[in-house]
Amino acid sequence: MKSKEIRELTDAEAQAKLRDLRQELFNLRLQQHAARLERPSRLHDLRKDVARIETILRQRQLQAPTASK
């Protein structure tokens, strides 16, 4: 998921996407421990996507108080 795509989402949509990605990451970690993971690179991709969404949400949170002044 690209940063541009994430920025087009509303806060609620981004939160929902973050929740879904974290759930998928959890499931892949379980598969990894059971030695049944088909695409190990997917773990890396999911962690990066989670970090992108969290960063953008934090940027929005920091900008919100300055916009209301």
C-alpha atoms as a PDB file:
ATOM      1  CA  MET A   1       0.000   0.000   0.000  1.00  0.00           C
ATOM      2  CA  LYS A   2       1.401   3.366  -1.019  1.00  0.00           C
ATOM      3  CA  SER A   3       1.466   6.455   1.176  1.00  0.00           C
ATOM      4  CA  LYS A   4      -0.649   8.316  -1.362  1.00  0.00           C
ATOM      5  CA  GLU A   5      -3.383   5.675  -1.093  1.00  0.00           C
ATOM      6  CA  ILE A   6      -3.318   5.868   2.690  1.00  0.00           C
ATOM      7  CA  ARG A   7      -3.558   9.671   2.701  1.00  0.00           C
ATOM      8  CA  GLU A   8      -6.736   9.434   0.592  1.00  0.00           C
ATOM      9  CA  LEU A   9      -8.437   7.379   3.331  1.00  0.00           C
ATOM     10  CA  THR A  10     -10.409   8.975   6.138  1.00  0.00           C
ATOM     11  CA  ASP A  11      -9.211   8.465   9.701  1.00  0.00           C
ATOM     12  CA  ALA A  12     -11.860   5.819  10.328  1.00  0.00           C
ATOM     13  CA  GLU A  13     -10.981   3.941   7.145  1.00  0.00           C
ATOM     14  CA  ALA A  14      -7.275   4.091   7.987  1.00  0.00           C
ATOM     15  CA  GLN A  15      -7.982   2.760  11.488  1.00  0.00           C
ATOM     16  CA  ALA A  16     -10.019  -0.107  10.010  1.00  0.00           C
ATOM     17  CA  LYS A  17      -7.264  -0.888   7.514  1.00  0.00           C
ATOM     18  CA  LEU A  18      -4.696  -0.833  10.322  1.00  0.00           C
ATOM     19  CA  ARG A  19      -6.795  -3.254  12.359  1.00  0.00           C
ATOM     20  CA  ASP A  20      -7.101  -5.612   9.364  1.00  0.00           C
ATOM     21  CA  LEU A  21      -3.365  -5.502   8.656  1.00  0.00           C
ATOM     22  CA  ARG A  22      -2.502  -6.208  12.279  1.00  0.00           C
ATOM     23  CA  GLN A  23      -4.863  -9.195  12.268  1.00  0.00           C
ATOM     24  CA  GLU A  24      -3.290 -10.517   9.066  1.00  0.00           C
ATOM     25  CA  LEU A  25       0.185 -10.001  10.528  1.00  0.00           C
ATOM     26  CA  PHE A  26      -0.833 -11.957  13.626  1.00  0.00           C
ATOM     27  CA  ASN A  27      -2.156 -14.823  11.501  1.00  0.00           C
ATOM     28  CA  LEU A  28       1.018 -14.921   9.409  1.00  0.00           C
ATOM     29  CA  ARG A  29       3.159 -15.033  12.540  1.00  0.00           C
ATOM     30  CA  LEU A  30       1.175 -18.045  13.729  1.00  0.00           C
ATOM     31  CA  GLN A  31       1.726 -19.720  10.364  1.00  0.00           C
ATOM     32  CA  GLN A  32       5.421 -18.899  10.541  1.00  0.00           C
ATOM     33  CA  HIS A  33       5.764 -20.639  13.886  1.00  0.00           C
ATOM     34  CA  ALA A  34       3.910 -23.644  12.506  1.00  0.00           C
ATOM     35  CA  ALA A  35       6.390 -23.659   9.574  1.00  0.00           C
ATOM     36  CA  ARG A  36       3.631 -23.297   6.987  1.00  0.00           C
ATOM     37  CA  LEU A  37       4.371 -19.807   5.686  1.00  0.00           C
ATOM     38  CA  GLU A  38       4.320 -19.675   1.876  1.00  0.00           C
ATOM     39  CA  ARG A  39       5.521 -16.072   1.397  1.00  0.00           C
ATOM     40  CA  PRO A  40       7.830 -14.957   4.214  1.00  0.00           C
ATOM     41  CA  SER A  41       8.303 -11.586   2.502  1.00  0.00           C
ATOM     42  CA  ARG A  42       4.642 -10.827   3.230  1.00  0.00           C
ATOM     43  CA  LEU A  43       5.549 -10.348   6.908  1.00  0.00           C
ATOM     44  CA  HIS A  44       8.011  -7.623   5.948  1.00  0.00           C
ATOM     45  CA  ASP A  45       5.472  -5.947   3.660  1.00  0.00           C
ATOM     46  CA  LEU A  46       2.769  -5.966   6.341  1.00  0.00           C
ATOM     47  CA  ARG A  47       5.070  -4.460   8.959  1.00  0.00           C
ATOM     48  CA  LYS A  48       5.958  -1.666   6.541  1.00  0.00           C
ATOM     49  CA  ASP A  49       2.280  -1.014   5.743  1.00  0.00           C
ATOM     50  CA  VAL A  50       1.394  -0.882   9.440  1.00  0.00           C
ATOM     51  CA  ALA A  51       4.205   1.600  10.047  1.00  0.00           C
ATOM     52  CA  ARG A  52       3.072   3.775   7.117  1.00  0.00           C
ATOM     53  CA  ILE A  53      -0.502   3.950   8.362  1.00  0.00           C
ATOM     54  CA  GLU A  54       0.556   4.662  11.942  1.00  0.00           C
ATOM     55  CA  THR A  55       2.895   7.425  10.741  1.00  0.00           C
ATOM     56  CA  ILE A  56       0.229   9.112   8.638  1.00  0.00           C
ATOM     57  CA  LEU A  57      -2.349   8.880  11.437  1.00  0.00           C
ATOM     58  CA  ARG A  58       0.160  10.421  13.848  1.00  0.00           C
ATOM     59  CA  GLN A  59       0.925  13.236  11.385  1.00  0.00           C
ATOM     60  CA  ARG A  60      -2.791  13.977  11.108  1.00  0.00           C
ATOM     61  CA  GLN A  61      -3.114  13.938  14.885  1.00  0.00           C
ATOM     62  CA  LEU A  62      -0.288  16.437  15.279  1.00  0.00           C
ATOM     63  CA  GLN A  63      -1.653  18.726  12.565  1.00  0.00           C
ATOM     64  CA  ALA A  64      -5.206  18.793  13.920  1.00  0.00           C
ATOM     65  CA  PRO A  65      -4.558  21.098  16.918  1.00  0.00           C
ATOM     66  CA  THR A  66      -2.614  23.598  14.791  1.00  0.00           C
ATOM     67  CA  ALA A  67      -5.423  23.723  12.212  1.00  0.00           C
ATOM     68  CA  SER A  68      -7.993  24.613  14.878  1.00  0.00           C
ATOM     69  CA  LYS A  69      -6.000  27.573  16.260  1.00  0.00           C
END
